[in-house]
PDB file of N, CA and C in Angstrom:
ATOM      1  N   MET A   1       0.847  -1.160   0.000  1.00  0.00           N
ATOM      2  CA  MET A   1       0.000   0.000   0.000  1.00  0.00           C
ATOM      3  C   MET A   1       0.896   1.227   0.000  1.00  0.00           C
ATOM      4  N   LEU A   2       0.557   2.205  -0.818  1.00  0.00           N
ATOM      5  CA  LEU A   2       1.291   3.462  -0.891  1.00  0.00           C
ATOM      6  C   LEU A   2       0.333   4.608  -0.616  1.00  0.00           C
ATOM      7  N   ILE A   3       0.720   5.500   0.287  1.00  0.00           N
ATOM      8  CA  ILE A   3      -0.081   6.689   0.595  1.00  0.00           C
ATOM      9  C   ILE A   3       0.827   7.898   0.495  1.00  0.00           C
ATOM     10  N   THR A   4       0.414   8.912  -0.269  1.00  0.00           N
ATOM     11  CA  THR A   4       1.086  10.205  -0.233  1.00  0.00           C
ATOM     12  C   THR A   4       0.057  11.215   0.258  1.00  0.00           C
ATOM     13  N   ASP A   5       0.504  12.144   1.071  1.00  0.00           N
ATOM     14  CA  ASP A   5      -0.448  13.092   1.647  1.00  0.00           C
ATOM     15  C   ASP A   5       0.267  14.344   2.103  1.00  0.00           C
ATOM     16  N   TRP A   6      -0.439  15.432   2.075  1.00  0.00           N
ATOM     17  CA  TRP A   6       0.080  16.692   2.572  1.00  0.00           C
ATOM     18  C   TRP A   6      -0.038  16.728   4.091  1.00  0.00           C
ATOM     19  N   TRP A   7      -1.173  16.270   4.600  1.00  0.00           N
ATOM     20  CA  TRP A   7      -1.392  16.219   6.048  1.00  0.00           C
ATOM     21  C   TRP A   7      -2.160  14.942   6.363  1.00  0.00           C
ATOM     22  N   LEU A   8      -1.522  14.011   7.031  1.00  0.00           N
ATOM     23  CA  LEU A   8      -2.143  12.754   7.414  1.00  0.00           C
ATOM     24  C   LEU A   8      -2.272  12.745   8.931  1.00  0.00           C
ATOM     25  N   SER A   9      -3.490  12.636   9.425  1.00  0.00           N
ATOM     26  CA  SER A   9      -3.737  12.615  10.862  1.00  0.00           C
ATOM     27  C   SER A   9      -3.971  11.173  11.308  1.00  0.00           C
ATOM     28  N   PRO A  10      -3.039  10.592  12.083  1.00  0.00           N
ATOM     29  CA  PRO A  10      -3.199   9.200  12.514  1.00  0.00           C
ATOM     30  C   PRO A  10      -4.448   8.979  13.360  1.00  0.00           C
ATOM     31  N   GLU A  11      -4.928  10.022  14.017  1.00  0.00           N
ATOM     32  CA  GLU A  11      -6.077   9.888  14.914  1.00  0.00           C
ATOM     33  C   GLU A  11      -7.422  10.009  14.206  1.00  0.00           C
ATOM     34  N   LEU A  12      -7.419  10.184  12.891  1.00  0.00           N
ATOM     35  CA  LEU A  12      -8.661  10.325  12.140  1.00  0.00           C
ATOM     36  C   LEU A  12      -9.513   9.065  12.277  1.00  0.00           C
ATOM     37  N   TYR A  13     -10.766   9.236  12.688  1.00  0.00           N
ATOM     38  CA  TYR A  13     -11.706   8.114  12.755  1.00  0.00           C
ATOM     39  C   TYR A  13     -12.339   7.944  11.375  1.00  0.00           C
ATOM     40  N   LEU A  14     -12.282   6.737  10.852  1.00  0.00           N
ATOM     41  CA  LEU A  14     -12.826   6.464   9.529  1.00  0.00           C
ATOM     42  C   LEU A  14     -14.309   6.133   9.567  1.00  0.00           C
ATOM     43  N   LEU A  15     -14.835   5.785  10.723  1.00  0.00           N
ATOM     44  CA  LEU A  15     -16.262   5.494  10.882  1.00  0.00           C
ATOM     45  C   LEU A  15     -16.860   6.443  11.904  1.00  0.00           C
ATOM     46  N   ARG A  16     -18.096   6.821  11.689  1.00  0.00           N
ATOM     47  CA  ARG A  16     -18.797   7.734  12.592  1.00  0.00           C
ATOM     48  C   ARG A  16     -19.995   7.030  13.213  1.00  0.00           C
ATOM     49  N   PRO A  17     -20.393   7.364  14.410  1.00  0.00           N
ATOM     50  CA  PRO A  17     -19.733   8.270  15.341  1.00  0.00           C
ATOM     51  C   PRO A  17     -18.510   7.585  15.966  1.00  0.00           C
ATOM     52  N   PRO A  18     -17.465   8.362  16.281  1.00  0.00           N
ATOM     53  CA  PRO A  18     -16.239   7.784  16.840  1.00  0.00           C
ATOM     54  C   PRO A  18     -16.464   6.984  18.124  1.00  0.00           C
ATOM     55  N   ALA A  19     -17.383   7.410  18.965  1.00  0.00           N
ATOM     56  CA  ALA A  19     -17.623   6.704  20.230  1.00  0.00           C
ATOM     57  C   ALA A  19     -18.066   5.257  19.992  1.00  0.00           C
ATOM     58  N   ALA A  20     -18.736   5.012  18.887  1.00  0.00           N
ATOM     59  CA  ALA A  20     -19.218   3.666  18.580  1.00  0.00           C
ATOM     60  C   ALA A  20     -18.208   2.857  17.762  1.00  0.00           C
ATOM     61  N   HIS A  21     -17.139   3.503  17.328  1.00  0.00           N
ATOM     62  CA  HIS A  21     -16.158   2.841  16.452  1.00  0.00           C
ATOM     63  C   HIS A  21     -14.743   3.198  16.900  1.00  0.00           C
ATOM     64  N   GLN A  22     -14.412   2.893  18.134  1.00  0.00           N
ATOM     65  CA  GLN A  22     -13.116   3.265  18.699  1.00  0.00           C
ATOM     66  C   GLN A  22     -11.935   2.648  17.955  1.00  0.00           C
ATOM     67  N   ASP A  23     -12.146   1.537  17.276  1.00  0.00           N
ATOM     68  CA  ASP A  23     -11.045   0.871  16.579  1.00  0.00           C
ATOM     69  C   ASP A  23     -10.935   1.290  15.115  1.00  0.00           C
ATOM     70  N   SER A  24     -11.592   2.387  14.732  1.00  0.00           N
ATOM     71  CA  SER A  24     -11.574   2.798  13.327  1.00  0.00           C
ATOM     72  C   SER A  24     -10.602   3.947  13.051  1.00  0.00           C
ATOM     73  N   ARG A  25      -9.688   4.215  13.975  1.00  0.00           N
ATOM     74  CA  ARG A  25      -8.699   5.268  13.717  1.00  0.00           C
ATOM     75  C   ARG A  25      -7.769   4.817  12.592  1.00  0.00           C
ATOM     76  N   LEU A  26      -7.322   5.752  11.800  1.00  0.00           N
ATOM     77  CA  LEU A  26      -6.454   5.446  10.673  1.00  0.00           C
ATOM     78  C   LEU A  26      -5.203   4.697  11.112  1.00  0.00           C
ATOM     79  N   VAL A  27      -4.562   5.136  12.189  1.00  0.00           N
ATOM     80  CA  VAL A  27      -3.341   4.481  12.668  1.00  0.00           C
ATOM     81  C   VAL A  27      -3.618   3.027  13.072  1.00  0.00           C
ATOM     82  N   ASP A  28      -4.771   2.765  13.656  1.00  0.00           N
ATOM     83  CA  ASP A  28      -5.118   1.395  14.045  1.00  0.00           C
ATOM     84  C   ASP A  28      -5.337   0.511  12.819  1.00  0.00           C
ATOM     85  N   LEU A  29      -6.049   1.043  11.835  1.00  0.00           N
ATOM     86  CA  LEU A  29      -6.300   0.280  10.612  1.00  0.00           C
ATOM     87  C   LEU A  29      -4.997  -0.019   9.875  1.00  0.00           C
ATOM     88  N   LEU A  30      -4.143   1.003   9.700  1.00  0.00           N
ATOM     89  CA  LEU A  30      -2.878   0.778   8.999  1.00  0.00           C
ATOM     90  C   LEU A  30      -1.985  -0.198   9.769  1.00  0.00           C
ATOM     91  N   GLY A  31      -1.950  -0.076  11.102  1.00  0.00           N
ATOM     92  CA  GLY A  31      -1.173  -1.003  11.918  1.00  0.00           C
ATOM     93  C   GLY A  31      -1.677  -2.424  11.796  1.00  0.00           C
ATOM     94  N   LYS A  32      -2.992  -2.591  11.770  1.00  0.00           N
ATOM     95  CA  LYS A  32      -3.586  -3.926  11.670  1.00  0.00           C
ATOM     96  C   LYS A  32      -3.246  -4.595  10.345  1.00  0.00           C
ATOM     97  N   ILE A  33      -3.392  -3.861   9.246  1.00  0.00           N
ATOM     98  CA  ILE A  33      -3.097  -4.495   7.961  1.00  0.00           C
ATOM     99  C   ILE A  33      -1.593  -4.703   7.778  1.00  0.00           C
ATOM    100  N   ALA A  34      -0.783  -3.791   8.331  1.00  0.00           N
ATOM    101  CA  ALA A  34       0.674  -3.961   8.239  1.00  0.00           C
ATOM    102  C   ALA A  34       1.123  -5.184   9.032  1.00  0.00           C
ATOM    103  N   ASN A  35       0.512  -5.411  10.187  1.00  0.00           N
ATOM    104  CA  ASN A  35       0.865  -6.574  10.999  1.00  0.00           C
ATOM    105  C   ASN A  35       0.401  -7.884  10.373  1.00  0.00           C
ATOM    106  N   ARG A  36      -0.493  -7.808   9.409  1.00  0.00           N
ATOM    107  CA  ARG A  36      -0.914  -8.998   8.654  1.00  0.00           C
ATOM    108  C   ARG A  36       0.030  -9.283   7.485  1.00  0.00           C
ATOM    109  N   GLY A  37       1.028  -8.416   7.286  1.00  0.00           N
ATOM    110  CA  GLY A  37       2.010  -8.651   6.234  1.00  0.00           C
ATOM    111  C   GLY A  37       1.976  -7.684   5.075  1.00  0.00           C
ATOM    112  N   VAL A  38       1.015  -6.759   5.062  1.00  0.00           N
ATOM    113  CA  VAL A  38       0.957  -5.773   3.991  1.00  0.00           C
ATOM    114  C   VAL A  38       2.020  -4.713   4.250  1.00  0.00           C
ATOM    115  N   LYS A  39       2.855  -4.443   3.258  1.00  0.00           N
ATOM    116  CA  LYS A  39       3.841  -3.382   3.397  1.00  0.00           C
ATOM    117  C   LYS A  39       3.153  -2.053   3.132  1.00  0.00           C
ATOM    118  N   VAL A  40       3.274  -1.131   4.083  1.00  0.00           N
ATOM    119  CA  VAL A  40       2.629   0.175   3.984  1.00  0.00           C
ATOM    120  C   VAL A  40       3.723   1.229   3.870  1.00  0.00           C
ATOM    121  N   PHE A  41       3.685   1.999   2.783  1.00  0.00           N
ATOM    122  CA  PHE A  41       4.641   3.072   2.545  1.00  0.00           C
ATOM    123  C   PHE A  41       3.879   4.399   2.546  1.00  0.00           C
ATOM    124  N   VAL A  42       4.374   5.361   3.313  1.00  0.00           N
ATOM    125  CA  VAL A  42       3.692   6.648   3.449  1.00  0.00           C
ATOM    126  C   VAL A  42       4.697   7.767   3.193  1.00  0.00           C
ATOM    127  N   ALA A  43       4.329   8.719   2.331  1.00  0.00           N
ATOM    128  CA  ALA A  43       5.125   9.927   2.116  1.00  0.00           C
ATOM    129  C   ALA A  43       4.259  11.109   2.518  1.00  0.00           C
ATOM    130  N   VAL A  44       4.708  11.875   3.498  1.00  0.00           N
ATOM    131  CA  VAL A  44       3.975  13.056   3.945  1.00  0.00           C
ATOM    132  C   VAL A  44       4.854  14.295   3.792  1.00  0.00           C
ATOM    133  N   TYR A  45       4.195  15.428   3.701  1.00  0.00           N
ATOM    134  CA  TYR A  45       4.868  16.715   3.557  1.00  0.00           C
ATOM    135  C   TYR A  45       5.542  17.109   4.866  1.00  0.00           C
ATOM    136  N   ARG A  46       6.826  17.436   4.805  1.00  0.00           N
ATOM    137  CA  ARG A  46       7.553  17.945   5.967  1.00  0.00           C
ATOM    138  C   ARG A  46       7.325  19.457   5.994  1.00  0.00           C
ATOM    139  N   GLU A  47       6.469  19.877   6.896  1.00  0.00           N
ATOM    140  CA  GLU A  47       6.020  21.263   6.938  1.00  0.00           C
ATOM    141  C   GLU A  47       7.123  22.223   7.395  1.00  0.00           C
ATOM    142  N   VAL A  48       6.921  23.488   7.069  1.00  0.00           N
ATOM    143  CA  VAL A  48       7.739  24.556   7.630  1.00  0.00           C
ATOM    144  C   VAL A  48       7.071  24.899   8.962  1.00  0.00           C
ATOM    145  N   ALA A  49       7.710  24.548  10.063  1.00  0.00           N
ATOM    146  CA  ALA A  49       7.073  24.625  11.383  1.00  0.00           C
ATOM    147  C   ALA A  49       6.615  26.038  11.744  1.00  0.00           C
ATOM    148  N   LEU A  50       7.310  27.050  11.273  1.00  0.00           N
ATOM    149  CA  LEU A  50       6.908  28.425  11.573  1.00  0.00           C
ATOM    150  C   LEU A  50       5.596  28.803  10.908  1.00  0.00           C
ATOM    151  N   ALA A  51       5.264  28.136   9.810  1.00  0.00           N
ATOM    152  CA  ALA A  51       4.075  28.490   9.048  1.00  0.00           C
ATOM    153  C   ALA A  51       2.906  27.535   9.251  1.00  0.00           C
ATOM    154  N   LEU A  52       3.186  26.276   9.560  1.00  0.00           N
ATOM    155  CA  LEU A  52       2.132  25.269   9.657  1.00  0.00           C
ATOM    156  C   LEU A  52       2.274  24.472  10.940  1.00  0.00           C
ATOM    157  N   THR A  53       1.164  23.992  11.433  1.00  0.00           N
ATOM    158  CA  THR A  53       1.173  23.188  12.670  1.00  0.00           C
ATOM    159  C   THR A  53       0.676  21.768  12.406  1.00  0.00           C
ATOM    160  N   ILE A  54       0.933  21.219  11.223  1.00  0.00           N
ATOM    161  CA  ILE A  54       0.404  19.894  10.896  1.00  0.00           C
ATOM    162  C   ILE A  54       1.209  18.764  11.530  1.00  0.00           C
ATOM    163  N   ASN A  55       2.397  19.033  12.016  1.00  0.00           N
ATOM    164  CA  ASN A  55       3.202  18.114  12.830  1.00  0.00           C
ATOM    165  C   ASN A  55       3.407  16.744  12.175  1.00  0.00           C
ATOM    166  N   SER A  56       4.127  16.748  11.066  1.00  0.00           N
ATOM    167  CA  SER A  56       4.408  15.496  10.378  1.00  0.00           C
ATOM    168  C   SER A  56       5.311  14.580  11.202  1.00  0.00           C
ATOM    169  N   LYS A  57       6.058  15.115  12.139  1.00  0.00           N
ATOM    170  CA  LYS A  57       6.882  14.282  13.027  1.00  0.00           C
ATOM    171  C   LYS A  57       5.981  13.402  13.891  1.00  0.00           C
ATOM    172  N   HIS A  58       4.870  13.959  14.399  1.00  0.00           N
ATOM    173  CA  HIS A  58       3.902  13.172  15.168  1.00  0.00           C
ATOM    174  C   HIS A  58       3.315  12.058  14.299  1.00  0.00           C
ATOM    175  N   THR A  59       2.977  12.395  13.050  1.00  0.00           N
ATOM    176  CA  THR A  59       2.445  11.392  12.130  1.00  0.00           C
ATOM    177  C   THR A  59       3.453  10.266  11.938  1.00  0.00           C
ATOM    178  N   GLU A  60       4.704  10.625  11.711  1.00  0.00           N
ATOM    179  CA  GLU A  60       5.761   9.632  11.529  1.00  0.00           C
ATOM    180  C   GLU A  60       5.882   8.719  12.746  1.00  0.00           C
ATOM    181  N   GLU A  61       5.956   9.298  13.919  1.00  0.00           N
ATOM    182  CA  GLU A  61       6.126   8.503  15.146  1.00  0.00           C
ATOM    183  C   GLU A  61       4.936   7.588  15.395  1.00  0.00           C
ATOM    184  N   ALA A  62       3.722   8.099  15.219  1.00  0.00           N
ATOM    185  CA  ALA A  62       2.524   7.290  15.459  1.00  0.00           C
ATOM    186  C   ALA A  62       2.468   6.093  14.508  1.00  0.00           C
ATOM    187  N   LEU A  63       2.765   6.317  13.230  1.00  0.00           N
ATOM    188  CA  LEU A  63       2.701   5.223  12.266  1.00  0.00           C
ATOM    189  C   LEU A  63       3.824   4.215  12.480  1.00  0.00           C
ATOM    190  N   LEU A  64       5.028   4.692  12.777  1.00  0.00           N
ATOM    191  CA  LEU A  64       6.135   3.772  13.031  1.00  0.00           C
ATOM    192  C   LEU A  64       5.884   2.929  14.280  1.00  0.00           C
ATOM    193  N   ASN A  65       5.214   3.495  15.278  1.00  0.00           N
ATOM    194  CA  ASN A  65       4.887   2.740  16.491  1.00  0.00           C
ATOM    195  C   ASN A  65       3.782   1.718  16.266  1.00  0.00           C
ATOM    196  N   ALA A  66       2.989   1.901  15.208  1.00  0.00           N
ATOM    197  CA  ALA A  66       1.873   0.994  14.940  1.00  0.00           C
ATOM    198  C   ALA A  66       2.347  -0.354  14.391  1.00  0.00           C
ATOM    199  N   SER A  67       3.444  -0.347  13.607  1.00  0.00           N
ATOM    200  CA  SER A  67       3.929  -1.600  13.025  1.00  0.00           C
ATOM    201  C   SER A  67       5.308  -1.382  12.412  1.00  0.00           C
ATOM    202  N   SER A  68       6.132  -2.408  12.498  1.00  0.00           N
ATOM    203  CA  SER A  68       7.443  -2.342  11.851  1.00  0.00           C
ATOM    204  C   SER A  68       7.324  -2.521  10.341  1.00  0.00           C
ATOM    205  N   ASN A  69       6.141  -2.857   9.851  1.00  0.00           N
ATOM    206  CA  ASN A  69       5.896  -3.028   8.424  1.00  0.00           C
ATOM    207  C   ASN A  69       5.438  -1.735   7.765  1.00  0.00           C
ATOM    208  N   ILE A  70       5.439  -0.633   8.526  1.00  0.00           N
ATOM    209  CA  ILE A  70       5.089   0.679   7.985  1.00  0.00           C
ATOM    210  C   ILE A  70       6.378   1.472   7.827  1.00  0.00           C
ATOM    211  N   LYS A  71       6.577   2.009   6.631  1.00  0.00           N
ATOM    212  CA  LYS A  71       7.730   2.862   6.335  1.00  0.00           C
ATOM    213  C   LYS A  71       7.204   4.247   5.992  1.00  0.00           C
ATOM    214  N   ILE A  72       7.840   5.280   6.512  1.00  0.00           N
ATOM    215  CA  ILE A  72       7.369   6.641   6.277  1.00  0.00           C
ATOM    216  C   ILE A  72       8.528   7.538   5.885  1.00  0.00           C
ATOM    217  N   VAL A  73       8.243   8.454   4.966  1.00  0.00           N
ATOM    218  CA  VAL A  73       9.197   9.466   4.539  1.00  0.00           C
ATOM    219  C   VAL A  73       8.527  10.816   4.697  1.00  0.00           C
ATOM    220  N   ARG A  74       9.220  11.713   5.376  1.00  0.00           N
ATOM    221  CA  ARG A  74       8.771  13.111   5.453  1.00  0.00           C
ATOM    222  C   ARG A  74       9.631  13.887   4.459  1.00  0.00           C
ATOM    223  N   HIS A  75       9.002  14.575   3.526  1.00  0.00           N
ATOM    224  CA  HIS A  75       9.725  15.192   2.427  1.00  0.00           C
ATOM    225  C   HIS A  75       9.210  16.603   2.215  1.00  0.00           C
ATOM    226  N   PRO A  76       9.972  17.565   1.854  1.00  0.00           N
ATOM    227  CA  PRO A  76      11.390  17.504   1.500  1.00  0.00           C
ATOM    228  C   PRO A  76      12.278  17.775   2.710  1.00  0.00           C
ATOM    229  N   HIS A  77      13.548  17.477   2.565  1.00  0.00           N
ATOM    230  CA  HIS A  77      14.547  17.858   3.551  1.00  0.00           C
ATOM    231  C   HIS A  77      15.057  19.222   3.124  1.00  0.00           C
ATOM    232  N   ARG A  78      14.894  20.205   3.979  1.00  0.00           N
ATOM    233  CA  ARG A  78      15.225  21.584   3.605  1.00  0.00           C
ATOM    234  C   ARG A  78      16.586  21.995   4.114  1.00  0.00           C
ATOM    235  N   SER A  79      17.152  22.962   3.431  1.00  0.00           N
ATOM    236  CA  SER A  79      18.438  23.523   3.820  1.00  0.00           C
ATOM    237  C   SER A  79      18.407  25.015   3.547  1.00  0.00           C
ATOM    238  N   LEU A  80      18.938  25.794   4.458  1.00  0.00           N
ATOM    239  CA  LEU A  80      19.003  27.235   4.231  1.00  0.00           C
ATOM    240  C   LEU A  80      20.037  27.599   3.168  1.00  0.00           C
ATOM    241  N   ARG A  81      20.904  26.675   2.823  1.00  0.00           N
ATOM    242  CA  ARG A  81      21.945  26.928   1.819  1.00  0.00           C
ATOM    243  C   ARG A  81      21.449  26.684   0.399  1.00  0.00           C
ATOM    244  N   GLY A  82      20.223  26.405   0.243  1.00  0.00           N
ATOM    245  CA  GLY A  82      19.707  26.134  -1.101  1.00  0.00           C
ATOM    246  C   GLY A  82      18.782  24.952  -1.075  1.00  0.00           C
ATOM    247  N   GLY A  83      18.644  24.317  -2.197  1.00  0.00           N
ATOM    248  CA  GLY A  83      17.756  23.168  -2.273  1.00  0.00           C
ATOM    249  C   GLY A  83      16.315  23.613  -2.403  1.00  0.00           C
ATOM    250  N   GLN A  84      15.416  22.781  -1.978  1.00  0.00           N
ATOM    251  CA  GLN A  84      13.992  23.046  -2.106  1.00  0.00           C
ATOM    252  C   GLN A  84      13.481  23.644  -0.808  1.00  0.00           C
ATOM    253  N   PHE A  85      13.384  24.950  -0.745  1.00  0.00           N
ATOM    254  CA  PHE A  85      12.915  25.570   0.488  1.00  0.00           C
ATOM    255  C   PHE A  85      11.413  25.833   0.449  1.00  0.00           C
ATOM    256  N   LEU A  86      10.898  26.407  -0.616  1.00  0.00           N
ATOM    257  CA  LEU A  86       9.462  26.640  -0.759  1.00  0.00           C
ATOM    258  C   LEU A  86       8.902  25.558  -1.679  1.00  0.00           C
ATOM    259  N   TRP A  87       8.353  24.532  -1.099  1.00  0.00           N
ATOM    260  CA  TRP A  87       7.946  23.353  -1.853  1.00  0.00           C
ATOM    261  C   TRP A  87       6.795  22.680  -1.131  1.00  0.00           C
ATOM    262  N   SER A  88       5.899  22.077  -1.865  1.00  0.00           N
ATOM    263  CA  SER A  88       4.805  21.324  -1.257  1.00  0.00           C
ATOM    264  C   SER A  88       4.436  20.167  -2.165  1.00  0.00           C
ATOM    265  N   HIS A  89       4.156  19.023  -1.565  1.00  0.00           N
ATOM    266  CA  HIS A  89       3.563  17.958  -2.369  1.00  0.00           C
ATOM    267  C   HIS A  89       2.129  17.870  -1.896  1.00  0.00           C
ATOM    268  N   HIS A  90       1.254  18.357  -2.750  1.00  0.00           N
ATOM    269  CA  HIS A  90      -0.147  18.505  -2.364  1.00  0.00           C
ATOM    270  C   HIS A  90      -1.028  17.413  -2.961  1.00  0.00           C
ATOM    271  N   GLU A  91      -0.425  16.493  -3.696  1.00  0.00           N
ATOM    272  CA  GLU A  91      -1.220  15.408  -4.248  1.00  0.00           C
ATOM    273  C   GLU A  91      -1.588  14.417  -3.154  1.00  0.00           C
ATOM    274  N   LYS A  92      -2.705  13.776  -3.324  1.00  0.00           N
ATOM    275  CA  LYS A  92      -3.142  12.751  -2.373  1.00  0.00           C
ATOM    276  C   LYS A  92      -3.363  11.462  -3.158  1.00  0.00           C
ATOM    277  N   ILE A  93      -2.664  10.420  -2.761  1.00  0.00           N
ATOM    278  CA  ILE A  93      -2.774   9.136  -3.456  1.00  0.00           C
ATOM    279  C   ILE A  93      -2.829   8.023  -2.410  1.00  0.00           C
ATOM    280  N   VAL A  94      -3.752   7.106  -2.591  1.00  0.00           N
ATOM    281  CA  VAL A  94      -3.766   5.868  -1.813  1.00  0.00           C
ATOM    282  C   VAL A  94      -3.817   4.744  -2.837  1.00  0.00           C
ATOM    283  N   CYS A  95      -2.753   3.959  -2.900  1.00  0.00           N
ATOM    284  CA  CYS A  95      -2.677   2.826  -3.829  1.00  0.00           C
ATOM    285  C   CYS A  95      -2.716   1.549  -2.992  1.00  0.00           C
ATOM    286  N   ILE A  96      -3.799   0.801  -3.125  1.00  0.00           N
ATOM    287  CA  ILE A  96      -4.014  -0.368  -2.276  1.00  0.00           C
ATOM    288  C   ILE A  96      -3.234  -1.564  -2.773  1.00  0.00           C
ATOM    289  N   ASP A  97      -3.232  -1.775  -4.064  1.00  0.00           N
ATOM    290  CA  ASP A  97      -2.480  -2.878  -4.651  1.00  0.00           C
ATOM    291  C   ASP A  97      -2.111  -2.452  -6.070  1.00  0.00           C
ATOM    292  N   GLY A  98      -1.701  -3.359  -6.859  1.00  0.00           N
ATOM    293  CA  GLY A  98      -1.319  -3.010  -8.224  1.00  0.00           C
ATOM    294  C   GLY A  98      -2.482  -2.661  -9.132  1.00  0.00           C
ATOM    295  N   HIS A  99      -3.719  -2.795  -8.630  1.00  0.00           N
ATOM    296  CA  HIS A  99      -4.889  -2.587  -9.475  1.00  0.00           C
ATOM    297  C   HIS A  99      -5.863  -1.555  -8.935  1.00  0.00           C
ATOM    298  N   THR A 100      -5.803  -1.221  -7.657  1.00  0.00           N
ATOM    299  CA  THR A 100      -6.771  -0.318  -7.049  1.00  0.00           C
ATOM    300  C   THR A 100      -6.062   0.874  -6.436  1.00  0.00           C
ATOM    301  N   ALA A 101      -6.450   2.071  -6.863  1.00  0.00           N
ATOM    302  CA  ALA A 101      -5.857   3.292  -6.323  1.00  0.00           C
ATOM    303  C   ALA A 101      -6.912   4.381  -6.267  1.00  0.00           C
ATOM    304  N   PHE A 102      -6.714   5.311  -5.358  1.00  0.00           N
ATOM    305  CA  PHE A 102      -7.618   6.441  -5.217  1.00  0.00           C
ATOM    306  C   PHE A 102      -6.790   7.714  -5.291  1.00  0.00           C
ATOM    307  N   LEU A 103      -7.244   8.668  -6.077  1.00  0.00           N
ATOM    308  CA  LEU A 103      -6.605   9.973  -6.198  1.00  0.00           C
ATOM    309  C   LEU A 103      -7.653  11.010  -5.838  1.00  0.00           C
ATOM    310  N   GLY A 104      -7.264  12.031  -5.104  1.00  0.00           N
ATOM    311  CA  GLY A 104      -8.262  13.015  -4.765  1.00  0.00           C
ATOM    312  C   GLY A 104      -7.697  14.194  -4.027  1.00  0.00           C
ATOM    313  N   GLY A 105      -8.581  15.025  -3.531  1.00  0.00           N
ATOM    314  CA  GLY A 105      -8.185  16.255  -2.884  1.00  0.00           C
ATOM    315  C   GLY A 105      -8.379  16.265  -1.391  1.00  0.00           C
ATOM    316  N   LEU A 106      -8.683  15.136  -0.772  1.00  0.00           N
ATOM    317  CA  LEU A 106      -8.903  15.106   0.667  1.00  0.00           C
ATOM    318  C   LEU A 106      -7.686  14.566   1.386  1.00  0.00           C
ATOM    319  N   ASP A 107      -7.265  15.271   2.413  1.00  0.00           N
ATOM    320  CA  ASP A 107      -6.159  14.775   3.224  1.00  0.00           C
ATOM    321  C   ASP A 107      -6.700  13.783   4.245  1.00  0.00           C
ATOM    322  N   LEU A 108      -5.935  12.709   4.482  1.00  0.00           N
ATOM    323  CA  LEU A 108      -6.323  11.742   5.494  1.00  0.00           C
ATOM    324  C   LEU A 108      -6.049  12.311   6.856  1.00  0.00           C
TER     325      LEU A 108
END
């Protein structure tokens, strides 16, 4: 499974109401399928902390703690000496397998 996202919230409940579906958090679902052997790869936007509070470091830590079968990349790596300083990856992609994928404008 491949997920790219600008802002991925591990605590997002996928079923409503949350009180009736405590096990439907995104981090729980991804951890469960990863522990069954599915390799989960996630690329999230590494925010400019002064401008945004989306906390991709929290996303990284939560997903890595959910399963050793989850790999995450926070991108881009910035440098004041050049490189990509003003950059965003705003595409959203969830690719479940080699045949099923979702593209859209909603952040997880």
